[in-house]
Amino acid sequence: MDSKSVPFGNEIENLSADFVIVCTPGRIEGGKSDKAPYPLPNIFVMTNEETRTSVTKTEGSYFLDRDAYSSHKDKWEKIGFG
């Protein structure tokens, strides 16, 4: 487990959310932006099933590794539009 991993505790079976949203700090290329004072975060959207099948168990706890969620960046279409 590294610093980009998302912890889920010791029971993944209790995950009741329809979707899991992972937010990580964004960055501005070159360190500066004329349009925003802060970089926009990176957003990863996963379904409950995708999350449950992607978690790893180690030392009695479940976590979602960066490799497991990185392909879900900006996948807002999973949630829909209302």
C-alpha atoms as a PDB file:
ATOM      1  CA  MET A   1       0.000   0.000   0.000  1.00  0.00           C
ATOM      2  CA  ASP A   2       1.387   3.428  -0.915  1.00  0.00           C
ATOM      3  CA  SER A   3       0.347   7.036  -0.232  1.00  0.00           C
ATOM      4  CA  LYS A   4      -1.999   7.045  -3.252  1.00  0.00           C
ATOM      5  CA  SER A   5      -3.946   4.016  -1.995  1.00  0.00           C
ATOM      6  CA  VAL A   6      -7.493   4.462  -0.656  1.00  0.00           C
ATOM      7  CA  PRO A   7      -8.265   2.577   2.578  1.00  0.00           C
ATOM      8  CA  PHE A   8     -11.615   0.792   3.013  1.00  0.00           C
ATOM      9  CA  GLY A   9     -11.225  -0.759   6.467  1.00  0.00           C
ATOM     10  CA  ASN A  10     -11.517  -4.443   7.297  1.00  0.00           C
ATOM     11  CA  GLU A  11     -14.906  -5.262   5.686  1.00  0.00           C
ATOM     12  CA  ILE A  12     -15.558  -4.469   2.029  1.00  0.00           C
ATOM     13  CA  GLU A  13     -18.898  -6.315   2.158  1.00  0.00           C
ATOM     14  CA  ASN A  14     -20.391  -3.322   4.009  1.00  0.00           C
ATOM     15  CA  LEU A  15     -19.700  -0.901   1.151  1.00  0.00           C
ATOM     16  CA  SER A  16     -23.182   0.457   0.453  1.00  0.00           C
ATOM     17  CA  ALA A  17     -22.403   3.324  -1.943  1.00  0.00           C
ATOM     18  CA  ASP A  18     -23.545   3.030  -5.564  1.00  0.00           C
ATOM     19  CA  PHE A  19     -20.421   4.893  -6.675  1.00  0.00           C
ATOM     20  CA  VAL A  20     -16.998   5.571  -5.205  1.00  0.00           C
ATOM     21  CA  ILE A  21     -15.341   8.882  -6.069  1.00  0.00           C
ATOM     22  CA  VAL A  22     -11.590   9.161  -5.501  1.00  0.00           C
ATOM     23  CA  CYS A  23     -10.089  12.670  -5.534  1.00  0.00           C
ATOM     24  CA  THR A  24      -6.356  13.263  -5.692  1.00  0.00           C
ATOM     25  CA  PRO A  25      -4.480  16.560  -5.835  1.00  0.00           C
ATOM     26  CA  GLY A  26      -4.122  18.003  -9.306  1.00  0.00           C
ATOM     27  CA  ARG A  27      -1.204  19.915 -10.647  1.00  0.00           C
ATOM     28  CA  ILE A  28      -0.656  22.828 -12.950  1.00  0.00           C
ATOM     29  CA  GLU A  29       1.883  22.299 -15.714  1.00  0.00           C
ATOM     30  CA  GLY A  30       4.808  24.621 -15.200  1.00  0.00           C
ATOM     31  CA  GLY A  31       3.560  25.493 -11.711  1.00  0.00           C
ATOM     32  CA  LYS A  32       1.417  28.480 -12.752  1.00  0.00           C
ATOM     33  CA  SER A  33      -2.017  29.085 -14.216  1.00  0.00           C
ATOM     34  CA  ASP A  34      -3.713  32.260 -15.411  1.00  0.00           C
ATOM     35  CA  LYS A  35      -7.150  30.636 -15.173  1.00  0.00           C
ATOM     36  CA  ALA A  36      -7.250  29.087 -11.700  1.00  0.00           C
ATOM     37  CA  PRO A  37      -5.478  29.950  -8.450  1.00  0.00           C
ATOM     38  CA  TYR A  38      -5.319  26.244  -7.549  1.00  0.00           C
ATOM     39  CA  PRO A  39      -5.029  23.128  -9.690  1.00  0.00           C
ATOM     40  CA  LEU A  40      -8.200  21.139 -10.276  1.00  0.00           C
ATOM     41  CA  PRO A  41      -8.232  17.753  -8.533  1.00  0.00           C
ATOM     42  CA  ASN A  42      -8.047  14.478 -10.409  1.00  0.00           C
ATOM     43  CA  ILE A  43     -11.398  12.678 -10.103  1.00  0.00           C
ATOM     44  CA  PHE A  44     -11.874   8.933 -10.526  1.00  0.00           C
ATOM     45  CA  VAL A  45     -15.402   7.463 -10.673  1.00  0.00           C
ATOM     46  CA  MET A  46     -15.993   3.773  -9.935  1.00  0.00           C
ATOM     47  CA  THR A  47     -19.128   1.713  -9.434  1.00  0.00           C
ATOM     48  CA  ASN A  48     -19.656  -0.349  -6.298  1.00  0.00           C
ATOM     49  CA  GLU A  49     -18.937  -3.563  -8.213  1.00  0.00           C
ATOM     50  CA  GLU A  50     -15.775  -2.158  -9.822  1.00  0.00           C
ATOM     51  CA  THR A  51     -14.543  -1.111  -6.399  1.00  0.00           C
ATOM     52  CA  ARG A  52     -15.311  -4.438  -4.718  1.00  0.00           C
ATOM     53  CA  THR A  53     -13.524  -6.417  -7.437  1.00  0.00           C
ATOM     54  CA  SER A  54     -10.501  -4.076  -7.480  1.00  0.00           C
ATOM     55  CA  VAL A  55      -9.639  -3.820  -3.783  1.00  0.00           C
ATOM     56  CA  THR A  56      -6.678  -5.660  -2.307  1.00  0.00           C
ATOM     57  CA  LYS A  57      -6.576  -7.147   1.177  1.00  0.00           C
ATOM     58  CA  THR A  58      -3.403  -6.808   3.187  1.00  0.00           C
ATOM     59  CA  GLU A  59      -2.806  -7.158   6.917  1.00  0.00           C
ATOM     60  CA  GLY A  60      -6.554  -7.542   7.514  1.00  0.00           C
ATOM     61  CA  SER A  61      -7.573  -4.327   5.735  1.00  0.00           C
ATOM     62  CA  TYR A  62      -8.835  -3.579   2.246  1.00  0.00           C
ATOM     63  CA  PHE A  63      -7.415  -0.830   0.067  1.00  0.00           C
ATOM     64  CA  LEU A  64      -7.765   0.418  -3.487  1.00  0.00           C
ATOM     65  CA  ASP A  65      -4.380   0.851  -5.145  1.00  0.00           C
ATOM     66  CA  ARG A  66      -3.722   3.688  -7.611  1.00  0.00           C
ATOM     67  CA  ASP A  67      -3.307   1.172 -10.443  1.00  0.00           C
ATOM     68  CA  ALA A  68      -6.830  -0.088  -9.726  1.00  0.00           C
ATOM     69  CA  TYR A  69      -8.522   3.326  -9.996  1.00  0.00           C
ATOM     70  CA  SER A  70      -6.297   5.225 -12.470  1.00  0.00           C
ATOM     71  CA  SER A  71      -8.206   4.017 -15.559  1.00  0.00           C
ATOM     72  CA  HIS A  72     -11.455   5.485 -14.158  1.00  0.00           C
ATOM     73  CA  LYS A  73     -10.401   9.143 -14.452  1.00  0.00           C
ATOM     74  CA  ASP A  74     -13.284  11.534 -15.264  1.00  0.00           C
ATOM     75  CA  LYS A  75     -15.742   8.670 -15.943  1.00  0.00           C
ATOM     76  CA  TRP A  76     -18.769  10.804 -14.962  1.00  0.00           C
ATOM     77  CA  GLU A  77     -20.945   9.050 -17.561  1.00  0.00           C
ATOM     78  CA  LYS A  78     -21.203   6.127 -15.127  1.00  0.00           C
ATOM     79  CA  ILE A  79     -23.320   8.301 -12.855  1.00  0.00           C
ATOM     80  CA  GLY A  80     -25.403   9.892 -15.602  1.00  0.00           C
ATOM     81  CA  PHE A  81     -27.109  13.257 -15.842  1.00  0.00           C
ATOM     82  CA  GLY A  82     -29.933  13.181 -13.332  1.00  0.00           C
END
